Amino acid sequence: MRPRRRTSNIRLVLYLLILVLIVGYLVNRRRGATSNDVTDDLTYEEDLGTYAQTPATREGEKAFVVASQEKDDVAWLYDYFHDWTKYRYVVDNPKAQLRVPFNKGRESMVYLTFIIDNYENLPDYTLFLHPTRYQWHNDDPDYDGLMVLRNFQLPNLEQEGYVNLRCAWQLGCPNEIKPYEKDPRENQQQGHAGNSYYHAFKEIFGEEREVPHEKGIRAIERVAGEDAIARLD
């Protein structure tokens, strides 16, 4: 019986040793992962503080124009972009410091209100934004607007004058408005405004100007330089 009992004891010790090794491996792995996460977070936060932008070739005011509701959390813009001026419009609060004449037209009312009210003193660089950090239209694997903003290149804006933060055409709205076609979905609550676009175009540009047969642009957020906005006059 002794050899059998000794064999059982040896097996028990081996099992315990294997168990200790497994637990030790998992604990060390967890500590390493936590350490790496902390390091990554620190690096990430440091990067976000300065973000990976190429500096503009000239000094000037940089501004976020944010179309928001009272419930929206815009703290991330203040936390990570200290050198950008923030113009937060709250469309559903008539007592907000920055508000719109009417809560219509979604974010376009905010953007136009800002341009009209500040036309004589526009920032050098204006970024028109939705309020929340994570949006389906952000060009980032995690739909993280923070990464989109930190990778934005101001020299490109200086060169182009007006750019879109979204580079991908997928899930956007190319050729969305077709003024000469009757839209069978016109009674739905969607942004198919071909008929309205036709009349608005004629009112703004005159009867002599031909209305485009198709009109579309990538969704959603825009960036414009002062000169590009001034050309709207």
Protein backbone atom coordinates (compact mmCIF):
# COMPACT_ATOMS: atom_id res chain seq x y z
CA MET A 1 0.00 0.00 0.00
CA ARG A 2 2.88 2.37 0.63
CA PRO A 3 4.01 2.62 -3.04
CA ARG A 4 0.44 3.38 -4.07
CA ARG A 5 0.06 6.01 -1.33
CA ARG A 6 3.44 7.52 -2.28
CA THR A 7 2.37 7.67 -5.91
CA SER A 8 -0.86 9.40 -4.91
CA ASN A 9 1.06 11.93 -2.83
CA ILE A 10 3.42 12.65 -5.72
CA ARG A 11 0.46 13.19 -8.04
CA LEU A 12 -1.17 15.50 -5.51
CA VAL A 13 2.01 17.54 -5.20
CA LEU A 14 2.32 17.75 -8.98
CA TYR A 15 -1.30 18.87 -9.30
CA LEU A 16 -0.78 21.51 -6.62
CA LEU A 17 2.42 22.69 -8.31
CA ILE A 18 0.69 22.95 -11.68
CA LEU A 19 -2.19 24.82 -10.05
CA VAL A 20 0.24 27.25 -8.40
CA LEU A 21 2.04 27.82 -11.71
CA ILE A 22 -1.23 28.48 -13.51
CA VAL A 23 -2.45 30.90 -10.84
CA GLY A 24 0.94 32.66 -10.80
CA TYR A 25 0.90 32.97 -14.57
CA LEU A 26 -2.60 34.43 -14.58
CA VAL A 27 -1.81 36.87 -11.77
CA ASN A 28 1.39 38.07 -13.46
CA ARG A 29 -0.39 38.36 -16.77
CA ARG A 30 -3.13 40.40 -15.15
CA ARG A 31 -0.59 42.68 -13.49
CA GLY A 32 1.27 43.10 -16.75
CA ALA A 33 -1.91 43.88 -18.62
CA THR A 34 -2.91 46.40 -15.97
CA SER A 35 0.53 47.97 -16.08
CA ASN A 36 0.41 48.16 -19.86
CA ASP A 37 -3.10 49.60 -19.73
CA VAL A 38 -1.95 52.28 -17.32
CA THR A 39 1.04 53.06 -19.50
CA ASP A 40 -1.09 53.11 -22.60
CA ASP A 41 -3.62 55.37 -20.90
CA LEU A 42 -0.90 57.76 -19.81
CA THR A 43 0.56 57.85 -23.29
CA TYR A 44 -2.91 58.19 -24.76
CA GLU A 45 -3.81 61.02 -22.42
CA GLU A 46 -0.50 62.76 -23.10
CA ASP A 47 -1.10 62.46 -26.82
CA LEU A 48 -4.60 63.80 -26.44
CA GLY A 49 -3.32 66.81 -24.59
CA THR A 50 -1.35 67.97 -27.59
CA TYR A 51 -2.99 65.72 -30.22
CA ALA A 52 -1.13 64.66 -33.30
CA GLN A 53 -1.89 67.67 -35.42
CA THR A 54 0.56 69.40 -37.67
CA PRO A 55 0.61 73.01 -36.47
CA ALA A 56 -0.86 75.71 -38.63
CA THR A 57 1.63 77.77 -40.61
CA ARG A 58 0.22 80.95 -39.14
CA GLU A 59 -1.12 81.89 -35.73
CA GLY A 60 -4.84 82.35 -35.38
CA GLU A 61 -7.90 81.56 -33.34
CA LYS A 62 -9.24 78.03 -33.60
CA ALA A 63 -12.87 77.52 -32.68
CA PHE A 64 -15.32 74.68 -32.14
CA VAL A 65 -18.92 75.56 -32.98
CA VAL A 66 -21.01 72.90 -31.27
CA ALA A 67 -24.69 72.24 -31.98
CA SER A 68 -26.03 70.61 -28.83
CA GLN A 69 -28.99 69.94 -26.61
CA GLU A 70 -29.11 70.46 -22.86
CA LYS A 71 -28.54 66.75 -22.17
CA ASP A 72 -25.41 66.42 -24.31
CA ASP A 73 -22.04 65.86 -22.66
CA VAL A 74 -19.43 68.10 -24.28
CA ALA A 75 -16.86 67.90 -21.47
CA TRP A 76 -14.45 65.94 -23.68
CA LEU A 77 -13.93 68.98 -25.90
CA TYR A 78 -12.95 71.09 -22.89
CA ASP A 79 -10.81 68.35 -21.36
CA TYR A 80 -8.63 67.62 -24.37
CA PHE A 81 -8.58 70.73 -26.57
CA HIS A 82 -7.57 73.60 -24.36
CA ASP A 83 -6.29 75.78 -27.20
CA TRP A 84 -9.58 75.78 -29.12
CA THR A 85 -12.27 78.34 -28.32
CA LYS A 86 -15.65 76.69 -27.72
CA TYR A 87 -18.95 78.11 -28.93
CA ARG A 88 -21.56 75.74 -27.57
CA TYR A 89 -25.10 76.44 -28.74
CA VAL A 90 -27.92 74.79 -26.79
CA VAL A 91 -30.91 74.63 -29.09
CA ASP A 92 -33.48 73.49 -26.52
CA ASN A 93 -32.65 76.05 -23.83
CA PRO A 94 -33.97 79.54 -24.59
CA LYS A 95 -31.95 80.91 -21.66
CA ALA A 96 -28.61 79.50 -22.79
CA GLN A 97 -25.76 81.92 -23.34
CA LEU A 98 -25.55 80.83 -26.98
CA ARG A 99 -28.90 79.97 -28.52
CA VAL A 100 -30.67 79.98 -31.87
CA PRO A 101 -33.68 82.05 -32.99
CA PHE A 102 -35.70 78.88 -33.65
CA ASN A 103 -34.96 75.23 -32.93
CA LYS A 104 -35.31 74.17 -36.56
CA GLY A 105 -33.03 72.79 -39.23
CA ARG A 106 -31.00 70.67 -36.82
CA GLU A 107 -27.36 71.73 -36.62
CA SER A 108 -27.56 73.95 -39.69
CA MET A 109 -29.43 76.59 -37.68
CA VAL A 110 -26.56 76.69 -35.19
CA TYR A 111 -23.89 76.96 -37.85
CA LEU A 112 -25.67 79.73 -39.76
CA THR A 113 -26.44 81.61 -36.54
CA PHE A 114 -22.78 81.54 -35.60
CA ILE A 115 -21.66 82.76 -39.03
CA ILE A 116 -24.21 85.59 -39.10
CA ASP A 117 -23.51 86.74 -35.54
CA ASN A 118 -19.73 86.62 -35.95
CA TYR A 119 -19.33 87.50 -39.60
CA GLU A 120 -17.21 90.58 -38.93
CA ASN A 121 -14.99 88.77 -36.46
CA LEU A 122 -14.73 85.17 -37.58
CA PRO A 123 -12.10 82.82 -36.12
CA ASP A 124 -9.22 81.88 -38.41
CA TYR A 125 -10.26 78.23 -38.24
CA THR A 126 -13.80 77.08 -37.46
CA LEU A 127 -14.79 73.50 -36.86
CA PHE A 128 -18.54 72.80 -36.90
CA LEU A 129 -19.24 69.86 -34.63
CA HIS A 130 -21.82 67.52 -33.19
CA PRO A 131 -21.63 67.47 -29.39
CA THR A 132 -20.98 63.87 -28.39
CA ARG A 133 -17.67 62.09 -28.67
CA TYR A 134 -18.84 58.84 -30.28
CA GLN A 135 -20.75 59.18 -33.56
CA TRP A 136 -21.48 56.67 -36.30
CA HIS A 137 -19.98 58.97 -38.92
CA ASN A 138 -16.56 59.40 -37.28
CA ASP A 139 -13.74 58.01 -39.41
CA ASP A 140 -12.30 55.86 -36.65
CA PRO A 141 -12.60 52.11 -35.92
CA ASP A 142 -14.18 52.94 -32.55
CA TYR A 143 -16.19 55.89 -33.94
CA ASP A 144 -14.20 58.07 -31.56
CA GLY A 145 -14.37 61.76 -32.43
CA LEU A 146 -11.38 62.41 -30.21
CA MET A 147 -9.09 60.51 -32.53
CA VAL A 148 -10.58 62.23 -35.57
CA LEU A 149 -9.89 65.67 -34.13
CA ARG A 150 -6.39 64.91 -32.93
CA ASN A 151 -5.44 63.66 -36.40
CA PHE A 152 -6.87 66.67 -38.20
CA GLN A 153 -4.27 68.64 -40.15
CA LEU A 154 -4.63 72.42 -40.05
CA PRO A 155 -2.22 73.00 -42.98
CA ASN A 156 -4.62 71.04 -45.17
CA LEU A 157 -7.42 73.36 -44.12
CA GLU A 158 -5.26 76.36 -44.93
CA GLN A 159 -4.65 74.96 -48.39
CA GLU A 160 -8.22 73.88 -49.16
CA GLY A 161 -10.17 76.52 -47.27
CA TYR A 162 -13.05 74.16 -46.55
CA VAL A 163 -12.85 70.45 -45.73
CA ASN A 164 -14.94 67.64 -44.31
CA LEU A 165 -13.87 65.67 -41.27
CA ARG A 166 -15.26 62.55 -42.89
CA CYS A 167 -13.15 61.11 -45.71
CA ALA A 168 -15.18 57.97 -46.44
CA TRP A 169 -18.14 58.12 -48.79
CA GLN A 170 -19.80 55.02 -47.34
CA LEU A 171 -22.78 55.70 -45.10
CA GLY A 172 -22.71 59.31 -46.19
CA CYS A 173 -25.14 61.05 -48.49
CA PRO A 174 -23.66 61.46 -51.98
CA ASN A 175 -26.19 62.61 -54.60
CA GLU A 176 -28.88 62.67 -51.93
CA ILE A 177 -30.77 65.67 -53.30
CA LYS A 178 -32.21 65.43 -56.81
CA PRO A 179 -34.32 68.54 -57.41
CA TYR A 180 -35.75 67.39 -60.75
CA GLU A 181 -36.99 64.02 -59.52
CA LYS A 182 -40.14 63.41 -57.55
CA ASP A 183 -39.10 61.63 -54.40
CA PRO A 184 -41.53 58.85 -53.40
CA ARG A 185 -40.28 59.18 -49.84
CA GLU A 186 -41.06 62.88 -49.56
CA ASN A 187 -43.81 62.25 -47.00
CA GLN A 188 -41.45 60.38 -44.71
CA GLN A 189 -39.53 62.05 -41.92
CA GLN A 190 -36.26 62.07 -43.83
CA GLY A 191 -33.94 64.63 -45.29
CA HIS A 192 -35.08 64.26 -48.91
CA ALA A 193 -35.63 67.89 -49.81
CA GLY A 194 -35.31 68.03 -53.56
CA ASN A 195 -38.35 70.23 -54.14
CA SER A 196 -37.44 72.61 -51.31
CA TYR A 197 -33.85 72.74 -52.52
CA TYR A 198 -34.96 73.74 -56.01
CA HIS A 199 -36.99 76.71 -54.81
CA ALA A 200 -34.40 77.80 -52.25
CA PHE A 201 -31.67 77.67 -54.90
CA LYS A 202 -33.67 79.88 -57.25
CA GLU A 203 -34.46 82.34 -54.48
CA ILE A 204 -30.82 82.68 -53.49
CA PHE A 205 -29.09 82.60 -56.88
CA GLY A 206 -31.80 83.89 -59.18
CA GLU A 207 -33.88 82.42 -61.97
CA GLU A 208 -31.00 82.62 -64.47
CA ARG A 209 -28.81 80.17 -62.52
CA GLU A 210 -29.42 76.52 -63.38
CA VAL A 211 -30.20 74.26 -60.44
CA PRO A 212 -27.87 71.24 -60.24
CA HIS A 213 -29.51 67.96 -61.15
CA GLU A 214 -27.85 66.20 -58.23
CA LYS A 215 -26.41 67.49 -55.00
CA GLY A 216 -24.60 65.63 -52.27
CA ILE A 217 -21.69 65.74 -49.89
CA ARG A 218 -20.07 63.47 -47.37
CA ALA A 219 -21.64 63.51 -43.94
CA ILE A 220 -21.30 65.13 -41.42
CA GLU A 221 -18.97 67.64 -39.77
CA ARG A 222 -17.14 70.48 -41.53
CA VAL A 223 -14.14 72.68 -41.03
CA ALA A 224 -13.71 76.05 -42.68
CA GLY A 225 -11.17 78.83 -42.75
CA GLU A 226 -12.16 82.45 -42.28
CA ASP A 227 -11.62 83.34 -45.94
CA ALA A 228 -13.79 80.45 -47.13
CA ILE A 229 -16.69 81.54 -44.90
CA ALA A 230 -16.28 85.16 -45.99
CA ARG A 231 -16.72 84.09 -49.61
CA LEU A 232 -20.32 83.21 -48.74
CA ASP A 233 -21.16 86.92 -48.88
